[in-house]
PDB file of N, CA and C in Angstrom:
ATOM      1  N   MET A   1      18.888  -9.553  15.809  1.00  0.00           N
ATOM      2  CA  MET A   1      19.978  -9.124  14.950  1.00  0.00           C
ATOM      3  C   MET A   1      19.553  -9.247  13.491  1.00  0.00           C
ATOM      4  N   LEU A   2      19.886  -8.272  12.692  1.00  0.00           N
ATOM      5  CA  LEU A   2      19.529  -8.259  11.283  1.00  0.00           C
ATOM      6  C   LEU A   2      20.458  -9.150  10.476  1.00  0.00           C
ATOM      7  N   ARG A   3      19.853  -9.862   9.547  1.00  0.00           N
ATOM      8  CA  ARG A   3      20.672 -10.612   8.589  1.00  0.00           C
ATOM      9  C   ARG A   3      21.141  -9.649   7.513  1.00  0.00           C
ATOM     10  N   GLU A   4      22.218 -10.012   6.845  1.00  0.00           N
ATOM     11  CA  GLU A   4      22.758  -9.153   5.789  1.00  0.00           C
ATOM     12  C   GLU A   4      21.677  -8.846   4.758  1.00  0.00           C
ATOM     13  N   GLY A   5      21.564  -7.592   4.414  1.00  0.00           N
ATOM     14  CA  GLY A   5      20.592  -7.166   3.411  1.00  0.00           C
ATOM     15  C   GLY A   5      19.231  -6.810   3.985  1.00  0.00           C
ATOM     16  N   GLU A   6      18.969  -7.127   5.257  1.00  0.00           N
ATOM     17  CA  GLU A   6      17.694  -6.773   5.872  1.00  0.00           C
ATOM     18  C   GLU A   6      17.726  -5.328   6.336  1.00  0.00           C
ATOM     19  N   LYS A   7      16.574  -4.708   6.281  1.00  0.00           N
ATOM     20  CA  LYS A   7      16.459  -3.331   6.750  1.00  0.00           C
ATOM     21  C   LYS A   7      16.020  -3.344   8.208  1.00  0.00           C
ATOM     22  N   SER A   8      16.460  -2.361   8.938  1.00  0.00           N
ATOM     23  CA  SER A   8      15.956  -2.172  10.296  1.00  0.00           C
ATOM     24  C   SER A   8      14.603  -1.472  10.200  1.00  0.00           C
ATOM     25  N   GLY A   9      13.864  -1.447  11.299  1.00  0.00           N
ATOM     26  CA  GLY A   9      12.602  -0.718  11.332  1.00  0.00           C
ATOM     27  C   GLY A   9      12.804   0.750  11.024  1.00  0.00           C
ATOM     28  N   ASP A  10      13.882   1.332  11.540  1.00  0.00           N
ATOM     29  CA  ASP A  10      14.174   2.744  11.279  1.00  0.00           C
ATOM     30  C   ASP A  10      14.433   2.989   9.798  1.00  0.00           C
ATOM     31  N   GLU A  11      15.177   2.081   9.181  1.00  0.00           N
ATOM     32  CA  GLU A  11      15.462   2.216   7.747  1.00  0.00           C
ATOM     33  C   GLU A  11      14.187   2.070   6.922  1.00  0.00           C
ATOM     34  N   TYR A  12      13.337   1.137   7.321  1.00  0.00           N
ATOM     35  CA  TYR A  12      12.092   0.920   6.581  1.00  0.00           C
ATOM     36  C   TYR A  12      11.169   2.128   6.716  1.00  0.00           C
ATOM     37  N   LEU A  13      11.071   2.678   7.923  1.00  0.00           N
ATOM     38  CA  LEU A  13      10.261   3.873   8.132  1.00  0.00           C
ATOM     39  C   LEU A  13      10.787   5.033   7.285  1.00  0.00           C
ATOM     40  N   PHE A  14      12.096   5.206   7.250  1.00  0.00           N
ATOM     41  CA  PHE A  14      12.693   6.253   6.416  1.00  0.00           C
ATOM     42  C   PHE A  14      12.359   6.012   4.942  1.00  0.00           C
ATOM     43  N   GLU A  15      12.418   4.754   4.504  1.00  0.00           N
ATOM     44  CA  GLU A  15      12.086   4.415   3.113  1.00  0.00           C
ATOM     45  C   GLU A  15      10.644   4.817   2.783  1.00  0.00           C
ATOM     46  N   ILE A  16       9.727   4.537   3.695  1.00  0.00           N
ATOM     47  CA  ILE A  16       8.332   4.916   3.468  1.00  0.00           C
ATOM     48  C   ILE A  16       8.201   6.433   3.396  1.00  0.00           C
ATOM     49  N   GLY A  17       8.838   7.120   4.331  1.00  0.00           N
ATOM     50  CA  GLY A  17       8.777   8.582   4.317  1.00  0.00           C
ATOM     51  C   GLY A  17       9.345   9.172   3.041  1.00  0.00           C
ATOM     52  N   ALA A  18      10.492   8.668   2.618  1.00  0.00           N
ATOM     53  CA  ALA A  18      11.114   9.156   1.379  1.00  0.00           C
ATOM     54  C   ALA A  18      10.223   8.866   0.176  1.00  0.00           C
ATOM     55  N   PHE A  19       9.604   7.696   0.164  1.00  0.00           N
ATOM     56  CA  PHE A  19       8.695   7.351  -0.934  1.00  0.00           C
ATOM     57  C   PHE A  19       7.515   8.320  -0.975  1.00  0.00           C
ATOM     58  N   LEU A  20       6.948   8.617   0.187  1.00  0.00           N
ATOM     59  CA  LEU A  20       5.794   9.512   0.221  1.00  0.00           C
ATOM     60  C   LEU A  20       6.149  10.927  -0.224  1.00  0.00           C
ATOM     61  N   ILE A  21       7.281  11.430   0.217  1.00  0.00           N
ATOM     62  CA  ILE A  21       7.697  12.778  -0.192  1.00  0.00           C
ATOM     63  C   ILE A  21       7.975  12.823  -1.693  1.00  0.00           C
ATOM     64  N   SER A  22       8.700  11.840  -2.209  1.00  0.00           N
ATOM     65  CA  SER A  22       8.982  11.839  -3.652  1.00  0.00           C
ATOM     66  C   SER A  22       7.703  11.618  -4.445  1.00  0.00           C
ATOM     67  N   SER A  23       6.759  10.889  -3.892  1.00  0.00           N
ATOM     68  CA  SER A  23       5.474  10.683  -4.566  1.00  0.00           C
ATOM     69  C   SER A  23       4.686  11.982  -4.644  1.00  0.00           C
ATOM     70  N   ALA A  24       4.705  12.752  -3.558  1.00  0.00           N
ATOM     71  CA  ALA A  24       4.005  14.040  -3.561  1.00  0.00           C
ATOM     72  C   ALA A  24       4.559  14.932  -4.668  1.00  0.00           C
ATOM     73  N   LYS A  25       5.866  14.946  -4.781  1.00  0.00           N
ATOM     74  CA  LYS A  25       6.493  15.749  -5.839  1.00  0.00           C
ATOM     75  C   LYS A  25       6.095  15.217  -7.219  1.00  0.00           C
ATOM     76  N   GLY A  26       6.142  13.902  -7.384  1.00  0.00           N
ATOM     77  CA  GLY A  26       5.782  13.301  -8.664  1.00  0.00           C
ATOM     78  C   GLY A  26       4.343  13.588  -9.061  1.00  0.00           C
ATOM     79  N   CYS A  27       3.447  13.625  -8.070  1.00  0.00           N
ATOM     80  CA  CYS A  27       2.030  13.856  -8.364  1.00  0.00           C
ATOM     81  C   CYS A  27       1.763  15.237  -8.961  1.00  0.00           C
ATOM     82  N   LEU A  28       2.717  16.148  -8.802  1.00  0.00           N
ATOM     83  CA  LEU A  28       2.541  17.476  -9.384  1.00  0.00           C
ATOM     84  C   LEU A  28       2.557  17.437 -10.912  1.00  0.00           C
ATOM     85  N   TRP A  29       3.300  16.482 -11.491  1.00  0.00           N
ATOM     86  CA  TRP A  29       3.479  16.490 -12.949  1.00  0.00           C
ATOM     87  C   TRP A  29       3.126  15.170 -13.641  1.00  0.00           C
ATOM     88  N   GLU A  30       3.003  14.104 -12.891  1.00  0.00           N
ATOM     89  CA  GLU A  30       2.769  12.794 -13.501  1.00  0.00           C
ATOM     90  C   GLU A  30       1.322  12.660 -13.989  1.00  0.00           C
ATOM     91  N   PRO A  31       1.076  11.663 -14.829  1.00  0.00           N
ATOM     92  CA  PRO A  31      -0.298  11.402 -15.272  1.00  0.00           C
ATOM     93  C   PRO A  31      -1.231  11.125 -14.095  1.00  0.00           C
ATOM     94  N   LYS A  32      -2.500  11.392 -14.297  1.00  0.00           N
ATOM     95  CA  LYS A  32      -3.524  11.295 -13.249  1.00  0.00           C
ATOM     96  C   LYS A  32      -3.483   9.974 -12.483  1.00  0.00           C
ATOM     97  N   LEU A  33      -3.343   8.851 -13.140  1.00  0.00           N
ATOM     98  CA  LEU A  33      -3.418   7.552 -12.469  1.00  0.00           C
ATOM     99  C   LEU A  33      -2.191   7.219 -11.629  1.00  0.00           C
ATOM    100  N   TYR A  34      -1.119   7.992 -11.769  1.00  0.00           N
ATOM    101  CA  TYR A  34       0.068   7.714 -10.968  1.00  0.00           C
ATOM    102  C   TYR A  34      -0.153   8.041  -9.490  1.00  0.00           C
ATOM    103  N   GLY A  35      -1.027   9.012  -9.193  1.00  0.00           N
ATOM    104  CA  GLY A  35      -1.333   9.335  -7.793  1.00  0.00           C
ATOM    105  C   GLY A  35      -1.912   8.127  -7.070  1.00  0.00           C
ATOM    106  N   PRO A  36      -3.000   7.532  -7.598  1.00  0.00           N
ATOM    107  CA  PRO A  36      -3.538   6.331  -6.963  1.00  0.00           C
ATOM    108  C   PRO A  36      -2.523   5.188  -6.924  1.00  0.00           C
ATOM    109  N   LEU A  37      -1.732   5.061  -7.966  1.00  0.00           N
ATOM    110  CA  LEU A  37      -0.711   4.012  -7.997  1.00  0.00           C
ATOM    111  C   LEU A  37       0.279   4.205  -6.848  1.00  0.00           C
ATOM    112  N   ARG A  38       0.713   5.412  -6.638  1.00  0.00           N
ATOM    113  CA  ARG A  38       1.668   5.689  -5.567  1.00  0.00           C
ATOM    114  C   ARG A  38       1.045   5.450  -4.187  1.00  0.00           C
ATOM    115  N   LEU A  39      -0.234   5.810  -4.030  1.00  0.00           N
ATOM    116  CA  LEU A  39      -0.901   5.555  -2.754  1.00  0.00           C
ATOM    117  C   LEU A  39      -1.033   4.058  -2.485  1.00  0.00           C
ATOM    118  N   LEU A  40      -1.351   3.286  -3.508  1.00  0.00           N
ATOM    119  CA  LEU A  40      -1.433   1.830  -3.337  1.00  0.00           C
ATOM    120  C   LEU A  40      -0.074   1.242  -2.989  1.00  0.00           C
ATOM    121  N   THR A  41       0.970   1.770  -3.607  1.00  0.00           N
ATOM    122  CA  THR A  41       2.319   1.303  -3.300  1.00  0.00           C
ATOM    123  C   THR A  41       2.681   1.648  -1.855  1.00  0.00           C
ATOM    124  N   ALA A  42       2.299   2.842  -1.406  1.00  0.00           N
ATOM    125  CA  ALA A  42       2.551   3.228  -0.012  1.00  0.00           C
ATOM    126  C   ALA A  42       1.798   2.297   0.937  1.00  0.00           C
ATOM    127  N   PHE A  43       0.543   1.994   0.611  1.00  0.00           N
ATOM    128  CA  PHE A  43      -0.214   1.054   1.440  1.00  0.00           C
ATOM    129  C   PHE A  43       0.508  -0.288   1.519  1.00  0.00           C
ATOM    130  N   SER A  44       1.012  -0.763   0.396  1.00  0.00           N
ATOM    131  CA  SER A  44       1.721  -2.046   0.373  1.00  0.00           C
ATOM    132  C   SER A  44       2.910  -2.033   1.314  1.00  0.00           C
ATOM    133  N   LYS A  45       3.603  -0.911   1.366  1.00  0.00           N
ATOM    134  CA  LYS A  45       4.745  -0.789   2.272  1.00  0.00           C
ATOM    135  C   LYS A  45       4.280  -0.755   3.731  1.00  0.00           C
ATOM    136  N   ILE A  46       3.238  -0.005   4.012  1.00  0.00           N
ATOM    137  CA  ILE A  46       2.731   0.125   5.376  1.00  0.00           C
ATOM    138  C   ILE A  46       2.196  -1.210   5.893  1.00  0.00           C
ATOM    139  N   ALA A  47       1.569  -1.996   5.028  1.00  0.00           N
ATOM    140  CA  ALA A  47       1.027  -3.296   5.445  1.00  0.00           C
ATOM    141  C   ALA A  47       2.124  -4.224   5.958  1.00  0.00           C
ATOM    142  N   LEU A  48       3.366  -3.970   5.558  1.00  0.00           N
ATOM    143  CA  LEU A  48       4.497  -4.791   5.998  1.00  0.00           C
ATOM    144  C   LEU A  48       5.187  -4.255   7.258  1.00  0.00           C
ATOM    145  N   LEU A  49       4.725  -3.154   7.802  1.00  0.00           N
ATOM    146  CA  LEU A  49       5.367  -2.579   8.990  1.00  0.00           C
ATOM    147  C   LEU A  49       5.524  -3.579  10.138  1.00  0.00           C
ATOM    148  N   PRO A  50       4.557  -4.461  10.390  1.00  0.00           N
ATOM    149  CA  PRO A  50       4.764  -5.415  11.485  1.00  0.00           C
ATOM    150  C   PRO A  50       6.009  -6.294  11.320  1.00  0.00           C
ATOM    151  N   ASP A  51       6.496  -6.446  10.106  1.00  0.00           N
ATOM    152  CA  ASP A  51       7.730  -7.204   9.893  1.00  0.00           C
ATOM    153  C   ASP A  51       8.943  -6.449  10.441  1.00  0.00           C
ATOM    154  N   TYR A  52       8.789  -5.148  10.663  1.00  0.00           N
ATOM    155  CA  TYR A  52       9.900  -4.306  11.094  1.00  0.00           C
ATOM    156  C   TYR A  52       9.712  -3.721  12.494  1.00  0.00           C
ATOM    157  N   VAL A  53       8.475  -3.709  12.959  1.00  0.00           N
ATOM    158  CA  VAL A  53       8.165  -3.102  14.251  1.00  0.00           C
ATOM    159  C   VAL A  53       7.522  -4.170  15.139  1.00  0.00           C
ATOM    160  N   PRO A  54       8.270  -4.710  16.078  1.00  0.00           N
ATOM    161  CA  PRO A  54       7.795  -5.846  16.878  1.00  0.00           C
ATOM    162  C   PRO A  54       6.500  -5.610  17.651  1.00  0.00           C
ATOM    163  N   CYS A  55       6.186  -4.375  18.002  1.00  0.00           N
ATOM    164  CA  CYS A  55       4.976  -4.128  18.781  1.00  0.00           C
ATOM    165  C   CYS A  55       3.704  -4.158  17.930  1.00  0.00           C
ATOM    166  N   LEU A  56       3.840  -4.227  16.621  1.00  0.00           N
ATOM    167  CA  LEU A  56       2.679  -4.319  15.728  1.00  0.00           C
ATOM    168  C   LEU A  56       2.404  -5.771  15.382  1.00  0.00           C
ATOM    169  N   LYS A  57       1.105  -6.119  15.328  1.00  0.00           N
ATOM    170  CA  LYS A  57       0.721  -7.472  14.943  1.00  0.00           C
ATOM    171  C   LYS A  57       0.446  -7.512  13.443  1.00  0.00           C
ATOM    172  N   ARG A  58       0.795  -8.636  12.840  1.00  0.00           N
ATOM    173  CA  ARG A  58       0.474  -8.828  11.427  1.00  0.00           C
ATOM    174  C   ARG A  58      -1.041  -8.848  11.269  1.00  0.00           C
ATOM    175  N   ASP A  59      -1.531  -8.186  10.247  1.00  0.00           N
ATOM    176  CA  ASP A  59      -2.960  -8.113   9.982  1.00  0.00           C
ATOM    177  C   ASP A  59      -3.223  -8.835   8.665  1.00  0.00           C
ATOM    178  N   GLU A  60      -3.804 -10.010   8.751  1.00  0.00           N
ATOM    179  CA  GLU A  60      -4.019 -10.833   7.560  1.00  0.00           C
ATOM    180  C   GLU A  60      -4.908 -10.142   6.535  1.00  0.00           C
ATOM    181  N   PHE A  61      -5.902  -9.387   6.993  1.00  0.00           N
ATOM    182  CA  PHE A  61      -6.759  -8.659   6.055  1.00  0.00           C
ATOM    183  C   PHE A  61      -5.933  -7.678   5.233  1.00  0.00           C
ATOM    184  N   LEU A  62      -5.098  -6.894   5.916  1.00  0.00           N
ATOM    185  CA  LEU A  62      -4.258  -5.917   5.206  1.00  0.00           C
ATOM    186  C   LEU A  62      -3.255  -6.611   4.290  1.00  0.00           C
ATOM    187  N   LEU A  63      -2.707  -7.720   4.737  1.00  0.00           N
ATOM    188  CA  LEU A  63      -1.756  -8.458   3.895  1.00  0.00           C
ATOM    189  C   LEU A  63      -2.444  -9.043   2.662  1.00  0.00           C
ATOM    190  N   ASN A  64      -3.687  -9.473   2.812  1.00  0.00           N
ATOM    191  CA  ASN A  64      -4.432  -9.975   1.649  1.00  0.00           C
ATOM    192  C   ASN A  64      -4.730  -8.851   0.666  1.00  0.00           C
ATOM    193  N   LEU A  65      -5.090  -7.676   1.189  1.00  0.00           N
ATOM    194  CA  LEU A  65      -5.289  -6.521   0.303  1.00  0.00           C
ATOM    195  C   LEU A  65      -3.992  -6.185  -0.416  1.00  0.00           C
ATOM    196  N   ARG A  66      -2.888  -6.218   0.328  1.00  0.00           N
ATOM    197  CA  ARG A  66      -1.583  -5.926  -0.263  1.00  0.00           C
ATOM    198  C   ARG A  66      -1.288  -6.881  -1.418  1.00  0.00           C
ATOM    199  N   GLU A  67      -1.545  -8.154  -1.203  1.00  0.00           N
ATOM    200  CA  GLU A  67      -1.291  -9.148  -2.247  1.00  0.00           C
ATOM    201  C   GLU A  67      -2.152  -8.875  -3.480  1.00  0.00           C
ATOM    202  N   GLU A  68      -3.411  -8.542  -3.254  1.00  0.00           N
ATOM    203  CA  GLU A  68      -4.309  -8.220  -4.373  1.00  0.00           C
ATOM    204  C   GLU A  68      -3.814  -6.984  -5.126  1.00  0.00           C
ATOM    205  N   ILE A  69      -3.385  -5.986  -4.391  1.00  0.00           N
ATOM    206  CA  ILE A  69      -2.875  -4.765  -5.007  1.00  0.00           C
ATOM    207  C   ILE A  69      -1.643  -5.058  -5.850  1.00  0.00           C
ATOM    208  N   GLU A  70      -0.692  -5.773  -5.261  1.00  0.00           N
ATOM    209  CA  GLU A  70       0.572  -6.057  -5.948  1.00  0.00           C
ATOM    210  C   GLU A  70       0.378  -6.944  -7.180  1.00  0.00           C
ATOM    211  N   GLU A  71      -0.465  -7.956  -7.063  1.00  0.00           N
ATOM    212  CA  GLU A  71      -0.584  -8.947  -8.130  1.00  0.00           C
ATOM    213  C   GLU A  71      -1.649  -8.628  -9.173  1.00  0.00           C
ATOM    214  N   LYS A  72      -2.750  -7.984  -8.756  1.00  0.00           N
ATOM    215  CA  LYS A  72      -3.875  -7.808  -9.672  1.00  0.00           C
ATOM    216  C   LYS A  72      -4.137  -6.375 -10.097  1.00  0.00           C
ATOM    217  N   ILE A  73      -3.877  -5.433  -9.207  1.00  0.00           N
ATOM    218  CA  ILE A  73      -4.304  -4.061  -9.494  1.00  0.00           C
ATOM    219  C   ILE A  73      -3.193  -3.222 -10.110  1.00  0.00           C
ATOM    220  N   ILE A  74      -2.029  -3.183  -9.487  1.00  0.00           N
ATOM    221  CA  ILE A  74      -0.940  -2.348  -9.995  1.00  0.00           C
ATOM    222  C   ILE A  74      -0.591  -2.666 -11.455  1.00  0.00           C
ATOM    223  N   PRO A  75      -0.559  -3.931 -11.850  1.00  0.00           N
ATOM    224  CA  PRO A  75      -0.225  -4.200 -13.261  1.00  0.00           C
ATOM    225  C   PRO A  75      -1.213  -3.598 -14.269  1.00  0.00           C
ATOM    226  N   LEU A  76      -2.405  -3.227 -13.817  1.00  0.00           N
ATOM    227  CA  LEU A  76      -3.430  -2.711 -14.732  1.00  0.00           C
ATOM    228  C   LEU A  76      -3.338  -1.213 -14.982  1.00  0.00           C
ATOM    229  N   VAL A  77      -2.517  -0.499 -14.239  1.00  0.00           N
ATOM    230  CA  VAL A  77      -2.501   0.960 -14.345  1.00  0.00           C
ATOM    231  C   VAL A  77      -2.261   1.416 -15.782  1.00  0.00           C
ATOM    232  N   VAL A  78      -1.443   0.708 -16.520  1.00  0.00           N
ATOM    233  CA  VAL A  78      -1.159   1.082 -17.907  1.00  0.00           C
ATOM    234  C   VAL A  78      -2.003   0.260 -18.874  1.00  0.00           C
ATOM    235  N   SER A  79      -2.113  -1.044 -18.628  1.00  0.00           N
ATOM    236  CA  SER A  79      -2.778  -1.934 -19.588  1.00  0.00           C
ATOM    237  C   SER A  79      -4.295  -1.791 -19.614  1.00  0.00           C
ATOM    238  N   ASP A  80      -4.924  -1.464 -18.477  1.00  0.00           N
ATOM    239  CA  ASP A  80      -6.384  -1.338 -18.429  1.00  0.00           C
ATOM    240  C   ASP A  80      -6.773  -0.326 -17.346  1.00  0.00           C
ATOM    241  N   PRO A  81      -6.607   0.963 -17.637  1.00  0.00           N
ATOM    242  CA  PRO A  81      -6.876   1.995 -16.630  1.00  0.00           C
ATOM    243  C   PRO A  81      -8.296   1.964 -16.055  1.00  0.00           C
ATOM    244  N   GLU A  82      -9.283   1.615 -16.880  1.00  0.00           N
ATOM    245  CA  GLU A  82     -10.661   1.565 -16.382  1.00  0.00           C
ATOM    246  C   GLU A  82     -10.833   0.456 -15.348  1.00  0.00           C
ATOM    247  N   LYS A  83     -10.247  -0.706 -15.624  1.00  0.00           N
ATOM    248  CA  LYS A  83     -10.324  -1.803 -14.663  1.00  0.00           C
ATOM    249  C   LYS A  83      -9.524  -1.460 -13.410  1.00  0.00           C
ATOM    250  N   PHE A  84      -8.392  -0.793 -13.571  1.00  0.00           N
ATOM    251  CA  PHE A  84      -7.584  -0.315 -12.446  1.00  0.00           C
ATOM    252  C   PHE A  84      -8.447   0.534 -11.524  1.00  0.00           C
ATOM    253  N   GLU A  85      -9.174   1.491 -12.095  1.00  0.00           N
ATOM    254  CA  GLU A  85     -10.036   2.366 -11.304  1.00  0.00           C
ATOM    255  C   GLU A  85     -11.148   1.576 -10.618  1.00  0.00           C
ATOM    256  N   GLN A  86     -11.754   0.623 -11.324  1.00  0.00           N
ATOM    257  CA  GLN A  86     -12.835  -0.166 -10.739  1.00  0.00           C
ATOM    258  C   GLN A  86     -12.337  -1.016  -9.574  1.00  0.00           C
ATOM    259  N   LEU A  87     -11.162  -1.613  -9.732  1.00  0.00           N
ATOM    260  CA  LEU A  87     -10.628  -2.444  -8.658  1.00  0.00           C
ATOM    261  C   LEU A  87     -10.266  -1.617  -7.429  1.00  0.00           C
ATOM    262  N   ILE A  88      -9.873  -0.376  -7.629  1.00  0.00           N
ATOM    263  CA  ILE A  88      -9.626   0.510  -6.484  1.00  0.00           C
ATOM    264  C   ILE A  88     -10.943   0.773  -5.759  1.00  0.00           C
ATOM    265  N   LYS A  89     -12.004   1.008  -6.510  1.00  0.00           N
ATOM    266  CA  LYS A  89     -13.319   1.196  -5.889  1.00  0.00           C
ATOM    267  C   LYS A  89     -13.731  -0.060  -5.128  1.00  0.00           C
ATOM    268  N   ASP A  90     -13.469  -1.223  -5.703  1.00  0.00           N
ATOM    269  CA  ASP A  90     -13.785  -2.493  -5.040  1.00  0.00           C
ATOM    270  C   ASP A  90     -13.004  -2.639  -3.734  1.00  0.00           C
ATOM    271  N   LEU A  91     -11.737  -2.204  -3.738  1.00  0.00           N
ATOM    272  CA  LEU A  91     -10.944  -2.237  -2.502  1.00  0.00           C
ATOM    273  C   LEU A  91     -11.603  -1.391  -1.414  1.00  0.00           C
ATOM    274  N   GLY A  92     -12.116  -0.255  -1.809  1.00  0.00           N
ATOM    275  CA  GLY A  92     -12.805   0.619  -0.855  1.00  0.00           C
ATOM    276  C   GLY A  92     -14.000  -0.073  -0.227  1.00  0.00           C
ATOM    277  N   MET A  93     -14.740  -0.834  -1.026  1.00  0.00           N
ATOM    278  CA  MET A  93     -15.894  -1.577  -0.505  1.00  0.00           C
ATOM    279  C   MET A  93     -15.448  -2.675   0.458  1.00  0.00           C
ATOM    280  N   LYS A  94     -14.396  -3.391   0.102  1.00  0.00           N
ATOM    281  CA  LYS A  94     -13.870  -4.438   0.987  1.00  0.00           C
ATOM    282  C   LYS A  94     -13.438  -3.825   2.321  1.00  0.00           C
ATOM    283  N   LEU A  95     -12.781  -2.689   2.239  1.00  0.00           N
ATOM    284  CA  LEU A  95     -12.317  -2.017   3.446  1.00  0.00           C
ATOM    285  C   LEU A  95     -13.498  -1.549   4.294  1.00  0.00           C
ATOM    286  N   ALA A  96     -14.522  -1.003   3.657  1.00  0.00           N
ATOM    287  CA  ALA A  96     -15.714  -0.543   4.391  1.00  0.00           C
ATOM    288  C   ALA A  96     -16.368  -1.709   5.135  1.00  0.00           C
ATOM    289  N   LYS A  97     -16.456  -2.857   4.482  1.00  0.00           N
ATOM    290  CA  LYS A  97     -17.035  -4.045   5.137  1.00  0.00           C
ATOM    291  C   LYS A  97     -16.184  -4.482   6.321  1.00  0.00           C
ATOM    292  N   GLU A  98     -14.865  -4.411   6.162  1.00  0.00           N
ATOM    293  CA  GLU A  98     -13.975  -4.804   7.248  1.00  0.00           C
ATOM    294  C   GLU A  98     -14.069  -3.817   8.412  1.00  0.00           C
ATOM    295  N   ILE A  99     -14.201  -2.546   8.103  1.00  0.00           N
ATOM    296  CA  ILE A  99     -14.365  -1.535   9.155  1.00  0.00           C
ATOM    297  C   ILE A  99     -15.628  -1.832   9.953  1.00  0.00           C
ATOM    298  N   LYS A 100     -16.718  -2.143   9.238  1.00  0.00           N
ATOM    299  CA  LYS A 100     -17.976  -2.467   9.907  1.00  0.00           C
ATOM    300  C   LYS A 100     -17.817  -3.728  10.767  1.00  0.00           C
ATOM    301  N   LYS A 101     -17.154  -4.732  10.208  1.00  0.00           N
ATOM    302  CA  LYS A 101     -16.932  -5.984  10.912  1.00  0.00           C
ATOM    303  C   LYS A 101     -16.118  -5.762  12.189  1.00  0.00           C
ATOM    304  N   ARG A 102     -15.127  -4.900  12.118  1.00  0.00           N
ATOM    305  CA  ARG A 102     -14.262  -4.609  13.280  1.00  0.00           C
ATOM    306  C   ARG A 102     -14.882  -3.557  14.190  1.00  0.00           C
ATOM    307  N   LYS A 103     -15.994  -3.008  13.741  1.00  0.00           N
ATOM    308  CA  LYS A 103     -16.708  -1.966  14.502  1.00  0.00           C
ATOM    309  C   LYS A 103     -15.817  -0.763  14.791  1.00  0.00           C
ATOM    310  N   ILE A 104     -15.098  -0.345  13.764  1.00  0.00           N
ATOM    311  CA  ILE A 104     -14.219   0.819  13.861  1.00  0.00           C
ATOM    312  C   ILE A 104     -15.021   2.053  13.475  1.00  0.00           C
ATOM    313  N   LYS A 105     -14.930   3.092  14.281  1.00  0.00           N
ATOM    314  CA  LYS A 105     -15.673   4.331  13.997  1.00  0.00           C
ATOM    315  C   LYS A 105     -14.786   5.329  13.329  1.00  0.00           C
TER     316      LYS A 105
END
């Protein structure tokens, strides 16, 4: 049973879908760095899906990436765009190493 103010899995999925559609529209006119910002925000939402969908297991690697994105990377989009871009590249490297570690093709 949901506590007051909690979203159901269906509501959370709808929220992600609505965010992605509105982000696609925004990317047509927003500054260049807003596209990556919106994708990182979408990832942050997706990393929390196990909190809403019981058949999914929490993934500590993804949650750690989410924390890094929320706390270290997103705040830089305006204050230090070059560092923002570099940290996104660094995330890609971390992910590539994790893919290799998990032997995902």
